[in-house]
């Protein structure tokens, strides 16, 4: 399997997970206008990360370079996640707080959906970035090309 095919498999899985867990946020925001976050908790990206990691580990068994056959997949995504998302995490936490704490005015006017929509959008972007970091880290292991001192680029 070529590196391009592996990359495509990874990107397809990322999109599948984002569709599965986030659905159509634009439609939801425009039509349903939810006043609560529902299942979009702060730990959702970690849940998705575990599912994606299981996929990557399974794929690793099939495509690992010859010198790494039989060895477990080692990802540094937690270090990379912290590096990439340090500032984003604070914005996400602030948005979560605003979305989960309804003021009296928001209850009366039913306008907390604005905070909820903003939070869900940030959560989606955070999750997308996390999966991209994991993919980049994984592809490093496959290709032997490391990204130290390079910036991440969303594809």
N, C-alpha and C. Protein backbone atom coordinates (compact mmCIF):
# COMPACT_ATOMS: atom_id res chain seq x y z
N UNK A 1 0.85 -1.17 0.00
CA UNK A 1 0.00 0.00 0.00
C UNK A 1 0.91 1.24 0.00
N UNK A 2 0.58 2.21 -0.84
CA UNK A 2 1.41 3.41 -0.93
C UNK A 2 1.09 4.38 0.20
N UNK A 3 2.01 5.32 0.41
CA UNK A 3 1.79 6.35 1.44
C UNK A 3 0.55 7.18 1.13
N UNK A 4 0.30 7.44 -0.13
CA UNK A 4 -0.88 8.20 -0.53
C UNK A 4 -2.17 7.44 -0.20
N UNK A 5 -2.15 6.14 -0.42
CA UNK A 5 -3.32 5.32 -0.09
C UNK A 5 -3.55 5.28 1.42
N UNK A 6 -2.48 5.18 2.17
CA UNK A 6 -2.59 5.18 3.63
C UNK A 6 -3.14 6.52 4.11
N UNK A 7 -2.62 7.60 3.55
CA UNK A 7 -3.10 8.93 3.91
C UNK A 7 -4.58 9.07 3.61
N UNK A 8 -5.00 8.59 2.44
CA UNK A 8 -6.42 8.66 2.08
C UNK A 8 -7.28 7.86 3.04
N UNK A 9 -6.84 6.67 3.42
CA UNK A 9 -7.58 5.86 4.39
C UNK A 9 -7.74 6.61 5.71
N UNK A 10 -6.66 7.24 6.14
CA UNK A 10 -6.69 7.98 7.41
C UNK A 10 -7.64 9.17 7.32
N UNK A 11 -7.57 9.92 6.24
CA UNK A 11 -8.45 11.07 6.07
C UNK A 11 -9.90 10.64 5.97
N UNK A 12 -10.16 9.55 5.27
CA UNK A 12 -11.53 9.04 5.16
C UNK A 12 -12.07 8.65 6.53
N UNK A 13 -11.24 8.02 7.34
CA UNK A 13 -11.66 7.62 8.69
C UNK A 13 -11.92 8.85 9.55
N UNK A 14 -11.08 9.87 9.42
CA UNK A 14 -11.29 11.11 10.16
C UNK A 14 -12.65 11.70 9.81
N UNK A 15 -12.94 11.80 8.52
CA UNK A 15 -14.21 12.38 8.09
C UNK A 15 -15.39 11.53 8.57
N UNK A 16 -15.23 10.22 8.52
CA UNK A 16 -16.28 9.32 9.01
C UNK A 16 -16.56 9.59 10.49
N UNK A 17 -15.52 9.73 11.28
CA UNK A 17 -15.69 9.98 12.72
C UNK A 17 -16.32 11.35 12.97
N UNK A 18 -15.88 12.35 12.24
CA UNK A 18 -16.46 13.69 12.41
C UNK A 18 -17.94 13.69 12.03
N UNK A 19 -18.28 13.01 10.95
CA UNK A 19 -19.69 12.91 10.55
C UNK A 19 -20.50 12.14 11.59
N UNK A 20 -19.92 11.07 12.11
CA UNK A 20 -20.61 10.22 13.09
C UNK A 20 -20.91 10.99 14.37
N UNK A 21 -19.95 11.74 14.86
CA UNK A 21 -20.12 12.39 16.16
C UNK A 21 -20.65 13.82 16.08
N UNK A 22 -20.44 14.50 14.96
CA UNK A 22 -20.88 15.88 14.88
C UNK A 22 -22.04 16.10 13.91
N UNK A 23 -22.27 15.15 13.02
CA UNK A 23 -23.39 15.29 12.10
C UNK A 23 -23.34 16.59 11.33
N UNK A 24 -24.48 17.22 11.19
CA UNK A 24 -24.58 18.48 10.46
C UNK A 24 -24.86 19.61 11.45
N UNK A 25 -23.80 20.20 11.98
CA UNK A 25 -23.94 21.25 12.98
C UNK A 25 -24.60 22.51 12.41
N UNK A 26 -24.38 22.79 11.14
CA UNK A 26 -24.97 23.99 10.54
C UNK A 26 -26.49 23.86 10.52
N UNK A 27 -26.97 22.72 10.07
CA UNK A 27 -28.42 22.48 10.03
C UNK A 27 -29.00 22.53 11.44
N UNK A 28 -28.30 21.88 12.36
CA UNK A 28 -28.76 21.87 13.75
C UNK A 28 -28.85 23.28 14.32
N UNK A 29 -27.82 24.09 14.05
CA UNK A 29 -27.80 25.46 14.58
C UNK A 29 -28.90 26.31 13.96
N UNK A 30 -29.14 26.13 12.67
CA UNK A 30 -30.12 26.96 11.96
C UNK A 30 -31.56 26.55 12.23
N UNK A 31 -31.80 25.26 12.34
CA UNK A 31 -33.18 24.78 12.45
C UNK A 31 -33.56 24.45 13.89
N UNK A 32 -32.78 23.61 14.53
CA UNK A 32 -33.13 23.15 15.87
C UNK A 32 -32.80 24.18 16.96
N UNK A 33 -31.73 24.90 16.79
CA UNK A 33 -31.26 25.89 17.75
C UNK A 33 -31.29 25.36 19.19
N UNK A 34 -30.50 24.29 19.46
CA UNK A 34 -30.52 23.70 20.80
C UNK A 34 -30.02 24.67 21.87
N UNK A 35 -30.64 24.62 23.03
CA UNK A 35 -30.27 25.49 24.15
C UNK A 35 -29.28 24.81 25.10
N UNK A 36 -29.02 23.50 24.88
CA UNK A 36 -28.06 22.77 25.71
C UNK A 36 -27.07 22.06 24.80
N UNK A 37 -25.95 21.63 25.38
CA UNK A 37 -24.91 20.99 24.57
C UNK A 37 -25.18 19.53 24.28
N UNK A 38 -26.10 18.91 25.00
CA UNK A 38 -26.41 17.50 24.77
C UNK A 38 -25.21 16.62 24.98
N UNK A 39 -24.91 15.76 24.01
CA UNK A 39 -23.80 14.81 24.13
C UNK A 39 -22.45 15.40 23.77
N UNK A 40 -22.39 16.67 23.46
CA UNK A 40 -21.15 17.33 23.04
C UNK A 40 -20.34 17.80 24.26
N UNK A 41 -19.92 16.86 25.07
CA UNK A 41 -19.17 17.18 26.28
C UNK A 41 -17.70 17.41 25.96
N UNK A 42 -16.97 17.94 26.92
CA UNK A 42 -15.56 18.24 26.73
C UNK A 42 -14.72 16.98 26.49
N UNK A 43 -15.21 15.83 26.90
CA UNK A 43 -14.43 14.60 26.69
C UNK A 43 -14.72 13.93 25.35
N UNK A 44 -15.58 14.51 24.54
CA UNK A 44 -15.89 13.92 23.23
C UNK A 44 -14.66 13.78 22.34
N UNK A 45 -13.77 14.78 22.27
CA UNK A 45 -12.57 14.58 21.44
C UNK A 45 -11.72 13.39 21.90
N UNK A 46 -11.66 13.16 23.18
CA UNK A 46 -10.88 12.02 23.68
C UNK A 46 -11.53 10.69 23.30
N UNK A 47 -12.85 10.65 23.31
CA UNK A 47 -13.58 9.46 22.89
C UNK A 47 -13.30 9.18 21.40
N UNK A 48 -13.34 10.22 20.60
CA UNK A 48 -13.07 10.08 19.17
C UNK A 48 -11.61 9.70 18.95
N UNK A 49 -10.72 10.29 19.75
CA UNK A 49 -9.29 9.96 19.66
C UNK A 49 -9.06 8.48 19.89
N UNK A 50 -9.72 7.90 20.88
CA UNK A 50 -9.55 6.47 21.17
C UNK A 50 -10.02 5.61 20.00
N UNK A 51 -11.13 5.99 19.40
CA UNK A 51 -11.65 5.24 18.26
C UNK A 51 -10.70 5.34 17.05
N UNK A 52 -10.17 6.53 16.83
CA UNK A 52 -9.24 6.74 15.72
C UNK A 52 -7.93 6.00 15.98
N UNK A 53 -7.48 6.02 17.22
CA UNK A 53 -6.23 5.32 17.57
C UNK A 53 -6.38 3.82 17.34
N UNK A 54 -7.53 3.26 17.68
CA UNK A 54 -7.77 1.83 17.43
C UNK A 54 -7.69 1.53 15.93
N UNK A 55 -8.26 2.42 15.12
CA UNK A 55 -8.18 2.28 13.67
C UNK A 55 -6.73 2.31 13.21
N UNK A 56 -5.95 3.28 13.71
CA UNK A 56 -4.55 3.41 13.30
C UNK A 56 -3.73 2.20 13.73
N UNK A 57 -4.01 1.66 14.91
CA UNK A 57 -3.28 0.48 15.38
C UNK A 57 -3.58 -0.73 14.49
N UNK A 58 -4.83 -0.86 14.10
CA UNK A 58 -5.21 -1.97 13.20
C UNK A 58 -4.54 -1.81 11.85
N UNK A 59 -4.52 -0.60 11.33
CA UNK A 59 -3.87 -0.33 10.06
C UNK A 59 -2.36 -0.56 10.17
N UNK A 60 -1.78 -0.22 11.30
CA UNK A 60 -0.34 -0.40 11.54
C UNK A 60 0.06 -1.86 11.35
N UNK A 61 -0.78 -2.77 11.82
CA UNK A 61 -0.48 -4.20 11.68
C UNK A 61 -0.33 -4.60 10.22
N UNK A 62 -1.02 -3.90 9.35
CA UNK A 62 -1.00 -4.23 7.93
C UNK A 62 0.10 -3.51 7.15
N UNK A 63 0.46 -2.29 7.58
CA UNK A 63 1.32 -1.47 6.73
C UNK A 63 2.62 -1.01 7.41
N UNK A 64 2.91 -1.52 8.58
CA UNK A 64 4.13 -1.08 9.28
C UNK A 64 5.36 -1.37 8.43
N UNK A 65 6.34 -0.46 8.45
CA UNK A 65 7.58 -0.74 7.73
C UNK A 65 8.23 -2.03 8.24
N UNK A 66 8.94 -2.67 7.38
CA UNK A 66 9.52 -3.99 7.68
C UNK A 66 10.29 -4.00 9.00
N UNK A 67 11.06 -2.94 9.25
CA UNK A 67 11.88 -2.91 10.47
C UNK A 67 11.05 -2.76 11.75
N UNK A 68 9.76 -2.44 11.61
CA UNK A 68 8.90 -2.28 12.78
C UNK A 68 7.81 -3.35 12.88
N UNK A 69 7.83 -4.31 11.97
CA UNK A 69 6.82 -5.38 12.01
C UNK A 69 6.85 -6.07 13.37
N UNK A 70 5.67 -6.28 13.94
CA UNK A 70 5.56 -6.95 15.22
C UNK A 70 5.71 -6.03 16.42
N UNK A 71 6.12 -4.80 16.20
CA UNK A 71 6.24 -3.84 17.29
C UNK A 71 4.96 -3.02 17.40
N UNK A 72 4.60 -2.61 18.61
CA UNK A 72 3.38 -1.80 18.75
C UNK A 72 3.57 -0.41 18.16
N UNK A 73 2.47 0.19 17.76
CA UNK A 73 2.47 1.55 17.25
C UNK A 73 2.72 2.51 18.40
N UNK A 74 3.65 3.42 18.21
CA UNK A 74 3.95 4.43 19.24
C UNK A 74 3.63 5.79 18.66
N UNK A 75 2.64 6.44 19.26
CA UNK A 75 2.26 7.78 18.83
C UNK A 75 2.58 8.77 19.95
N UNK A 76 3.01 9.95 19.57
CA UNK A 76 3.29 10.99 20.55
C UNK A 76 2.18 12.03 20.54
N UNK A 77 0.95 11.62 20.24
CA UNK A 77 -0.12 12.58 20.03
C UNK A 77 -0.41 13.43 21.26
N UNK A 78 -0.19 12.90 22.44
CA UNK A 78 -0.50 13.71 23.62
C UNK A 78 0.45 14.90 23.72
N UNK A 79 1.72 14.68 23.46
CA UNK A 79 2.68 15.79 23.46
C UNK A 79 2.37 16.76 22.33
N UNK A 80 2.09 16.22 21.16
CA UNK A 80 1.77 17.06 20.01
C UNK A 80 0.46 17.81 20.21
N UNK A 81 -0.54 17.14 20.81
CA UNK A 81 -1.82 17.79 21.07
C UNK A 81 -1.62 18.99 21.97
N UNK A 82 -0.83 18.81 23.00
CA UNK A 82 -0.59 19.91 23.94
C UNK A 82 0.09 21.08 23.23
N UNK A 83 1.07 20.77 22.41
CA UNK A 83 1.79 21.79 21.67
C UNK A 83 0.88 22.54 20.71
N UNK A 84 0.05 21.81 20.00
CA UNK A 84 -0.79 22.39 18.97
C UNK A 84 -1.99 23.13 19.55
N UNK A 85 -2.56 22.63 20.62
CA UNK A 85 -3.87 23.10 21.06
C UNK A 85 -3.85 23.85 22.39
N UNK A 86 -2.70 24.22 22.87
CA UNK A 86 -2.61 24.87 24.18
C UNK A 86 -3.54 26.08 24.29
N UNK A 87 -3.49 26.99 23.34
CA UNK A 87 -4.35 28.17 23.37
C UNK A 87 -5.79 27.84 23.07
N UNK A 88 -6.01 26.88 22.18
CA UNK A 88 -7.36 26.51 21.80
C UNK A 88 -8.14 25.90 22.96
N UNK A 89 -7.46 25.19 23.82
CA UNK A 89 -8.13 24.53 24.93
C UNK A 89 -8.77 25.55 25.87
N UNK A 90 -8.11 26.66 26.12
CA UNK A 90 -8.69 27.69 26.98
C UNK A 90 -9.93 28.30 26.35
N UNK A 91 -9.87 28.58 25.05
CA UNK A 91 -11.05 29.10 24.34
C UNK A 91 -12.20 28.10 24.42
N UNK A 92 -11.86 26.82 24.26
CA UNK A 92 -12.88 25.77 24.30
C UNK A 92 -13.51 25.69 25.69
N UNK A 93 -12.70 25.76 26.72
CA UNK A 93 -13.22 25.71 28.10
C UNK A 93 -14.11 26.92 28.38
N UNK A 94 -13.72 28.09 27.92
CA UNK A 94 -14.54 29.29 28.11
C UNK A 94 -15.87 29.15 27.38
N UNK A 95 -15.82 28.64 26.16
CA UNK A 95 -17.05 28.46 25.38
C UNK A 95 -17.95 27.41 26.02
N UNK A 96 -17.36 26.35 26.58
CA UNK A 96 -18.13 25.32 27.27
C UNK A 96 -18.87 25.92 28.46
N UNK A 97 -18.16 26.73 29.22
CA UNK A 97 -18.76 27.37 30.39
C UNK A 97 -19.94 28.25 29.97
N UNK A 98 -19.75 29.04 28.92
CA UNK A 98 -20.82 29.92 28.43
C UNK A 98 -22.01 29.12 27.92
N UNK A 99 -21.74 27.99 27.28
CA UNK A 99 -22.83 27.17 26.72
C UNK A 99 -23.60 26.41 27.79
N UNK A 100 -22.94 26.05 28.87
CA UNK A 100 -23.60 25.24 29.90
C UNK A 100 -24.21 26.07 31.03
N UNK A 101 -23.83 27.34 31.13
CA UNK A 101 -24.38 28.22 32.17
C UNK A 101 -25.31 29.23 31.52
N UNK A 102 -26.59 28.96 31.60
CA UNK A 102 -27.57 29.86 31.01
C UNK A 102 -27.92 30.98 31.99
N UNK A 103 -27.87 32.19 31.51
CA UNK A 103 -28.30 33.31 32.34
C UNK A 103 -29.82 33.37 32.34
N UNK A 104 -30.36 34.12 33.25
CA UNK A 104 -31.81 34.29 33.30
C UNK A 104 -32.31 34.90 31.99
N UNK A 105 -31.59 35.87 31.48
CA UNK A 105 -31.98 36.51 30.22
C UNK A 105 -31.99 35.50 29.07
N UNK A 106 -30.98 34.63 29.03
CA UNK A 106 -30.93 33.61 27.97
C UNK A 106 -32.09 32.63 28.09
N UNK A 107 -32.49 32.33 29.30
CA UNK A 107 -33.65 31.43 29.48
C UNK A 107 -34.93 32.09 28.99
N UNK A 108 -35.08 33.35 29.32
CA UNK A 108 -36.29 34.07 28.93
C UNK A 108 -36.35 34.24 27.41
N UNK A 109 -35.25 34.66 26.83
CA UNK A 109 -35.23 34.95 25.39
C UNK A 109 -34.87 33.75 24.52
N UNK A 110 -34.52 32.65 25.16
CA UNK A 110 -34.11 31.43 24.45
C UNK A 110 -32.99 31.72 23.44
N UNK A 111 -31.92 32.33 23.94
CA UNK A 111 -30.79 32.69 23.08
C UNK A 111 -29.49 31.98 23.47
N UNK A 112 -29.57 31.01 24.34
CA UNK A 112 -28.34 30.29 24.69
C UNK A 112 -27.83 29.46 23.51
N UNK A 113 -28.69 29.23 22.52
CA UNK A 113 -28.25 28.46 21.35
C UNK A 113 -27.06 29.13 20.65
N UNK A 114 -26.92 30.44 20.79
CA UNK A 114 -25.74 31.11 20.21
C UNK A 114 -24.46 30.62 20.87
N UNK A 115 -24.47 30.52 22.20
CA UNK A 115 -23.30 30.01 22.93
C UNK A 115 -23.07 28.53 22.62
N UNK A 116 -24.16 27.77 22.53
CA UNK A 116 -24.07 26.34 22.25
C UNK A 116 -23.48 26.11 20.86
N UNK A 117 -23.94 26.87 19.88
CA UNK A 117 -23.45 26.73 18.51
C UNK A 117 -21.96 27.08 18.44
N UNK A 118 -21.56 28.16 19.09
CA UNK A 118 -20.16 28.57 19.09
C UNK A 118 -19.29 27.48 19.74
N UNK A 119 -19.75 26.95 20.87
CA UNK A 119 -19.00 25.89 21.56
C UNK A 119 -18.86 24.65 20.68
N UNK A 120 -19.94 24.22 20.07
CA UNK A 120 -19.89 23.02 19.23
C UNK A 120 -18.95 23.22 18.04
N UNK A 121 -18.95 24.40 17.48
CA UNK A 121 -18.03 24.69 16.38
C UNK A 121 -16.57 24.61 16.82
N UNK A 122 -16.28 25.16 18.00
CA UNK A 122 -14.91 25.07 18.53
C UNK A 122 -14.54 23.62 18.84
N UNK A 123 -15.49 22.87 19.38
CA UNK A 123 -15.24 21.46 19.71
C UNK A 123 -14.93 20.66 18.44
N UNK A 124 -15.67 20.94 17.38
CA UNK A 124 -15.43 20.28 16.10
C UNK A 124 -14.03 20.62 15.58
N UNK A 125 -13.66 21.89 15.61
CA UNK A 125 -12.33 22.29 15.13
C UNK A 125 -11.22 21.69 15.97
N UNK A 126 -11.42 21.66 17.27
CA UNK A 126 -10.44 21.06 18.18
C UNK A 126 -10.26 19.58 17.84
N UNK A 127 -11.37 18.89 17.63
CA UNK A 127 -11.33 17.46 17.30
C UNK A 127 -10.67 17.24 15.94
N UNK A 128 -11.00 18.06 14.98
CA UNK A 128 -10.40 17.96 13.65
C UNK A 128 -8.88 18.14 13.75
N UNK A 129 -8.44 19.13 14.52
CA UNK A 129 -7.00 19.36 14.72
C UNK A 129 -6.34 18.17 15.41
N UNK A 130 -7.01 17.61 16.40
CA UNK A 130 -6.48 16.46 17.12
C UNK A 130 -6.27 15.28 16.18
N UNK A 131 -7.25 15.00 15.34
CA UNK A 131 -7.14 13.89 14.40
C UNK A 131 -6.04 14.14 13.37
N UNK A 132 -5.90 15.39 12.95
CA UNK A 132 -4.85 15.73 12.00
C UNK A 132 -3.47 15.52 12.63
N UNK A 133 -3.33 15.89 13.90
CA UNK A 133 -2.06 15.68 14.61
C UNK A 133 -1.76 14.18 14.70
N UNK A 134 -2.77 13.40 15.01
CA UNK A 134 -2.58 11.95 15.11
C UNK A 134 -2.19 11.37 13.75
N UNK A 135 -2.85 11.82 12.69
CA UNK A 135 -2.52 11.33 11.35
C UNK A 135 -1.09 11.69 10.99
N UNK A 136 -0.70 12.91 11.25
CA UNK A 136 0.65 13.36 10.94
C UNK A 136 1.68 12.53 11.70
N UNK A 137 1.43 12.30 12.96
CA UNK A 137 2.31 11.49 13.80
C UNK A 137 2.38 10.06 13.25
N UNK A 138 1.24 9.51 12.89
CA UNK A 138 1.17 8.15 12.35
C UNK A 138 1.95 8.04 11.05
N UNK A 139 1.76 9.01 10.16
CA UNK A 139 2.45 8.98 8.87
C UNK A 139 3.95 9.13 9.04
N UNK A 140 4.37 9.81 10.09
CA UNK A 140 5.80 9.88 10.39
C UNK A 140 6.36 8.49 10.65
N UNK A 141 5.60 7.70 11.39
CA UNK A 141 6.04 6.34 11.71
C UNK A 141 6.11 5.47 10.45
N UNK A 142 5.18 5.68 9.54
CA UNK A 142 5.13 4.90 8.31
C UNK A 142 6.23 5.32 7.34
N UNK A 143 6.39 6.63 7.16
CA UNK A 143 7.29 7.13 6.12
C UNK A 143 8.71 7.39 6.60
N UNK A 144 8.88 7.58 7.91
CA UNK A 144 10.20 7.93 8.43
C UNK A 144 10.54 9.39 8.25
N UNK A 145 9.59 10.19 7.72
CA UNK A 145 9.81 11.63 7.57
C UNK A 145 9.18 12.33 8.77
N UNK A 146 9.98 13.03 9.53
CA UNK A 146 9.50 13.65 10.75
C UNK A 146 9.26 15.13 10.57
N UNK A 147 8.34 15.66 11.34
CA UNK A 147 7.87 17.03 11.14
C UNK A 147 8.45 18.02 12.13
N UNK A 148 9.47 17.67 12.83
CA UNK A 148 10.04 18.58 13.81
C UNK A 148 10.35 19.91 13.13
N UNK A 149 10.03 20.97 13.84
CA UNK A 149 10.27 22.34 13.38
C UNK A 149 9.48 22.73 12.14
N UNK A 150 8.44 22.01 11.82
CA UNK A 150 7.56 22.38 10.72
C UNK A 150 6.20 22.72 11.32
N UNK A 151 5.43 23.49 10.61
CA UNK A 151 4.08 23.79 11.08
C UNK A 151 3.14 22.76 10.50
N UNK A 152 2.04 22.53 11.22
CA UNK A 152 1.02 21.61 10.74
C UNK A 152 0.19 22.32 9.70
N UNK A 153 -0.20 21.58 8.69
CA UNK A 153 -1.07 22.14 7.67
C UNK A 153 -2.31 21.27 7.57
N UNK A 154 -3.45 21.88 7.68
CA UNK A 154 -4.70 21.14 7.50
C UNK A 154 -4.87 20.86 6.01
N UNK A 155 -5.24 19.65 5.71
CA UNK A 155 -5.39 19.27 4.30
C UNK A 155 -6.82 19.42 3.88
